[in-house]
Structures are given as structure tokens and as C-alpha cells.
């Protein structure tokens, strides 16, 4: 696969974006998405730095991913995105003190095996 490091960086930045977005989301409280209040919610969201930084991480991840897609097969590239689940799980345990369960570990192992099969 061409641009493997760029693909992995895209995946990592996407995962970081999720974690940063979560840190911002806990500051929001209840999010009302009615047609008449969505503009107010957007204004409130952009006032939260973590939301903005999360979107920046997503934007950079998106640009890198588009670069990867210009030179690689989607069916070969996309399985790397599943590494997000692993990265986010460990970051969530470290940052948000989420519980590491046997079920999560087994699921993570299956993801790693699946990616290994695609690239093996």
C-alpha cells in the first residue's frame, strides 16, 4: 500500500479528533436539534474550544485520507479505519477512565486479526 504512514496518521488524527470532541461534548449538556433552534446550537458549539479543535483534527484527517484514496484501492485502505476503534478504546480508558472489559479486549483482538488478514 502506498502512503501507509499517511493513512495511519489520518486514522490517528481522526481518533484524537473523537476524543477531543468528547471532551467538548461533555460541556454541552443537552443538545436540542430542532429545526428552529439548530442555529443557536451551532453558535453554542463553536464557542467550545474542544469542539473547534476536534473539527480541526477531523479536517486534517480528512485531507490526509483523500490523499490516500487518490493512490490506493478503497477496499485495501478502508480496513485501516477500523484501527480507530482500538486507538479510541485505549484513549478512552486513559483519558475518561472508562472500564477495560474482557469483551472490549476480545473485540479489539478480532479487529487486529481482521486488519492483519487484509494486509497479511
C-alpha atoms as a PDB file:
ATOM      1  CA  UNK A   1       0.000   0.000   0.000  1.00  0.00           C
ATOM      2  CA  UNK A   2       1.286   3.417  -0.956  1.00  0.00           C
ATOM      3  CA  UNK A   3       1.204   6.154   1.680  1.00  0.00           C
ATOM      4  CA  UNK A   4       0.719   3.747   4.597  1.00  0.00           C
ATOM      5  CA  UNK A   5       2.161   6.265   7.055  1.00  0.00           C
ATOM      6  CA  UNK A   6      -0.165   8.971   5.779  1.00  0.00           C
ATOM      7  CA  UNK A   7      -3.118   6.593   6.170  1.00  0.00           C
ATOM      8  CA  UNK A   8      -2.087   5.739   9.724  1.00  0.00           C
ATOM      9  CA  UNK A   9      -1.635   9.417  10.559  1.00  0.00           C
ATOM     10  CA  UNK A  10      -5.108  10.110   9.185  1.00  0.00           C
ATOM     11  CA  UNK A  11      -6.554   7.358  11.374  1.00  0.00           C
ATOM     12  CA  UNK A  12      -4.692   8.627  14.444  1.00  0.00           C
ATOM     13  CA  UNK A  13      -5.800  12.231  13.905  1.00  0.00           C
ATOM     14  CA  UNK A  14      -9.385  11.051  13.423  1.00  0.00           C
ATOM     15  CA  UNK A  15      -9.216   9.181  16.725  1.00  0.00           C
ATOM     16  CA  UNK A  16      -7.720  12.184  18.502  1.00  0.00           C
ATOM     17  CA  UNK A  17     -10.493  14.298  16.996  1.00  0.00           C
ATOM     18  CA  UNK A  18     -13.095  11.958  18.511  1.00  0.00           C
ATOM     19  CA  UNK A  19     -11.535  12.183  21.961  1.00  0.00           C
ATOM     20  CA  UNK A  20     -11.210  15.969  21.830  1.00  0.00           C
ATOM     21  CA  UNK A  21     -14.795  16.214  20.574  1.00  0.00           C
ATOM     22  CA  UNK A  22     -15.946  14.050  23.503  1.00  0.00           C
ATOM     23  CA  UNK A  23     -14.191  16.402  25.938  1.00  0.00           C
ATOM     24  CA  UNK A  24     -16.133  19.267  24.376  1.00  0.00           C
ATOM     25  CA  UNK A  25     -19.393  17.334  24.232  1.00  0.00           C
ATOM     26  CA  UNK A  26     -19.474  16.804  27.988  1.00  0.00           C
ATOM     27  CA  UNK A  27     -19.514  20.591  28.378  1.00  0.00           C
ATOM     28  CA  UNK A  28     -22.632  20.989  26.244  1.00  0.00           C
ATOM     29  CA  UNK A  29     -25.276  19.284  28.300  1.00  0.00           C
ATOM     30  CA  UNK A  30     -28.449  18.546  26.387  1.00  0.00           C
ATOM     31  CA  UNK A  31     -28.220  19.256  22.675  1.00  0.00           C
ATOM     32  CA  UNK A  32     -31.505  20.243  21.064  1.00  0.00           C
ATOM     33  CA  UNK A  33     -31.562  19.728  17.325  1.00  0.00           C
ATOM     34  CA  UNK A  34     -34.969  21.069  16.437  1.00  0.00           C
ATOM     35  CA  UNK A  35     -35.287  22.882  13.146  1.00  0.00           C
ATOM     36  CA  UNK A  36     -35.927  26.179  14.915  1.00  0.00           C
ATOM     37  CA  UNK A  37     -33.007  26.031  17.357  1.00  0.00           C
ATOM     38  CA  UNK A  38     -30.233  24.394  15.354  1.00  0.00           C
ATOM     39  CA  UNK A  39     -28.607  27.745  14.519  1.00  0.00           C
ATOM     40  CA  UNK A  40     -28.388  28.588  18.238  1.00  0.00           C
ATOM     41  CA  UNK A  41     -26.876  25.188  18.970  1.00  0.00           C
ATOM     42  CA  UNK A  42     -24.234  25.675  16.265  1.00  0.00           C
ATOM     43  CA  UNK A  43     -23.319  29.058  17.754  1.00  0.00           C
ATOM     44  CA  UNK A  44     -23.038  27.477  21.214  1.00  0.00           C
ATOM     45  CA  UNK A  45     -20.909  24.637  19.829  1.00  0.00           C
ATOM     46  CA  UNK A  46     -18.379  26.896  18.156  1.00  0.00           C
ATOM     47  CA  UNK A  47     -17.822  28.655  21.476  1.00  0.00           C
ATOM     48  CA  UNK A  48     -16.351  25.460  22.934  1.00  0.00           C
ATOM     49  CA  UNK A  49     -12.622  25.189  22.098  1.00  0.00           C
ATOM     50  CA  UNK A  50     -12.589  21.380  22.204  1.00  0.00           C
ATOM     51  CA  UNK A  51     -15.318  21.259  19.567  1.00  0.00           C
ATOM     52  CA  UNK A  52     -13.291  23.526  17.289  1.00  0.00           C
ATOM     53  CA  UNK A  53     -10.074  21.554  17.861  1.00  0.00           C
ATOM     54  CA  UNK A  54     -11.921  18.282  17.272  1.00  0.00           C
ATOM     55  CA  UNK A  55     -13.169  19.609  13.948  1.00  0.00           C
ATOM     56  CA  UNK A  56      -9.649  20.746  13.043  1.00  0.00           C
ATOM     57  CA  UNK A  57      -8.314  17.247  13.730  1.00  0.00           C
ATOM     58  CA  UNK A  58     -11.129  15.810  11.592  1.00  0.00           C
ATOM     59  CA  UNK A  59     -10.350  18.261   8.805  1.00  0.00           C
ATOM     60  CA  UNK A  60      -6.667  17.362   8.700  1.00  0.00           C
ATOM     61  CA  UNK A  61      -7.534  13.665   8.912  1.00  0.00           C
ATOM     62  CA  UNK A  62      -9.971  14.112   6.012  1.00  0.00           C
ATOM     63  CA  UNK A  63      -7.366  15.812   3.808  1.00  0.00           C
ATOM     64  CA  UNK A  64      -4.803  13.101   4.503  1.00  0.00           C
ATOM     65  CA  UNK A  65      -7.392  10.401   3.835  1.00  0.00           C
ATOM     66  CA  UNK A  66      -8.314  11.922   0.477  1.00  0.00           C
ATOM     67  CA  UNK A  67      -4.607  11.827  -0.425  1.00  0.00           C
ATOM     68  CA  UNK A  68      -4.500   8.132   0.486  1.00  0.00           C
ATOM     69  CA  UNK A  69      -7.579   7.419  -1.622  1.00  0.00           C
ATOM     70  CA  UNK A  70      -6.043   9.060  -4.689  1.00  0.00           C
ATOM     71  CA  UNK A  71      -3.342   6.363  -4.837  1.00  0.00           C
ATOM     72  CA  UNK A  72      -4.840   3.260  -3.221  1.00  0.00           C
ATOM     73  CA  UNK A  73      -7.743   0.880  -3.530  1.00  0.00           C
ATOM     74  CA  UNK A  74     -10.581   1.723  -1.151  1.00  0.00           C
ATOM     75  CA  UNK A  75     -11.042  -1.952  -0.282  1.00  0.00           C
ATOM     76  CA  UNK A  76      -7.415  -2.094   0.851  1.00  0.00           C
ATOM     77  CA  UNK A  77      -7.293   1.308   2.541  1.00  0.00           C
ATOM     78  CA  UNK A  78     -10.557   1.312   4.463  1.00  0.00           C
ATOM     79  CA  UNK A  79      -9.785  -1.572   6.856  1.00  0.00           C
ATOM     80  CA  UNK A  80      -7.172   0.711   8.434  1.00  0.00           C
ATOM     81  CA  UNK A  81     -10.013   2.924   9.637  1.00  0.00           C
ATOM     82  CA  UNK A  82     -11.043   0.109  11.984  1.00  0.00           C
ATOM     83  CA  UNK A  83      -7.872   0.839  13.940  1.00  0.00           C
ATOM     84  CA  UNK A  84      -9.794   3.884  15.202  1.00  0.00           C
ATOM     85  CA  UNK A  85     -11.779   1.561  17.473  1.00  0.00           C
ATOM     86  CA  UNK A  86      -8.594   0.339  19.115  1.00  0.00           C
ATOM     87  CA  UNK A  87      -6.999   3.760  19.489  1.00  0.00           C
ATOM     88  CA  UNK A  88     -10.199   5.310  20.844  1.00  0.00           C
ATOM     89  CA  UNK A  89     -10.747   2.452  23.285  1.00  0.00           C
ATOM     90  CA  UNK A  90      -7.311   2.881  24.847  1.00  0.00           C
ATOM     91  CA  UNK A  91      -7.503   6.678  24.832  1.00  0.00           C
ATOM     92  CA  UNK A  92     -10.941   6.491  26.484  1.00  0.00           C
ATOM     93  CA  UNK A  93      -9.566   4.262  29.208  1.00  0.00           C
ATOM     94  CA  UNK A  94      -6.643   6.621  29.837  1.00  0.00           C
ATOM     95  CA  UNK A  95      -8.437   9.956  29.490  1.00  0.00           C
ATOM     96  CA  UNK A  96     -12.026   9.263  30.563  1.00  0.00           C
ATOM     97  CA  UNK A  97     -11.303   6.397  32.987  1.00  0.00           C
ATOM     98  CA  UNK A  98     -13.591   4.097  31.040  1.00  0.00           C
ATOM     99  CA  UNK A  99     -13.558   0.452  32.052  1.00  0.00           C
ATOM    100  CA  UNK A 100     -11.493  -2.112  30.141  1.00  0.00           C
ATOM    101  CA  UNK A 101     -13.579  -5.256  29.885  1.00  0.00           C
ATOM    102  CA  UNK A 102     -12.896  -8.704  28.509  1.00  0.00           C
ATOM    103  CA  UNK A 103     -15.481  -8.023  25.815  1.00  0.00           C
ATOM    104  CA  UNK A 104     -13.595  -4.903  24.688  1.00  0.00           C
ATOM    105  CA  UNK A 105     -10.293  -6.783  24.675  1.00  0.00           C
ATOM    106  CA  UNK A 106     -11.701  -9.643  22.611  1.00  0.00           C
ATOM    107  CA  UNK A 107     -13.318  -7.227  20.174  1.00  0.00           C
ATOM    108  CA  UNK A 108     -10.031  -5.376  19.816  1.00  0.00           C
ATOM    109  CA  UNK A 109      -8.192  -8.626  19.157  1.00  0.00           C
ATOM    110  CA  UNK A 110     -10.681  -9.505  16.411  1.00  0.00           C
ATOM    111  CA  UNK A 111     -10.167  -6.103  14.791  1.00  0.00           C
ATOM    112  CA  UNK A 112      -6.386  -6.530  14.856  1.00  0.00           C
ATOM    113  CA  UNK A 113      -6.711 -10.005  13.362  1.00  0.00           C
ATOM    114  CA  UNK A 114      -9.036  -8.704  10.651  1.00  0.00           C
ATOM    115  CA  UNK A 115      -6.666  -5.918   9.656  1.00  0.00           C
ATOM    116  CA  UNK A 116      -3.822  -8.446   9.719  1.00  0.00           C
ATOM    117  CA  UNK A 117      -5.711 -10.722   7.334  1.00  0.00           C
ATOM    118  CA  UNK A 118      -6.281  -7.883   4.873  1.00  0.00           C
ATOM    119  CA  UNK A 119      -2.630  -6.798   4.946  1.00  0.00           C
ATOM    120  CA  UNK A 120      -1.027 -10.205   5.561  1.00  0.00           C
END
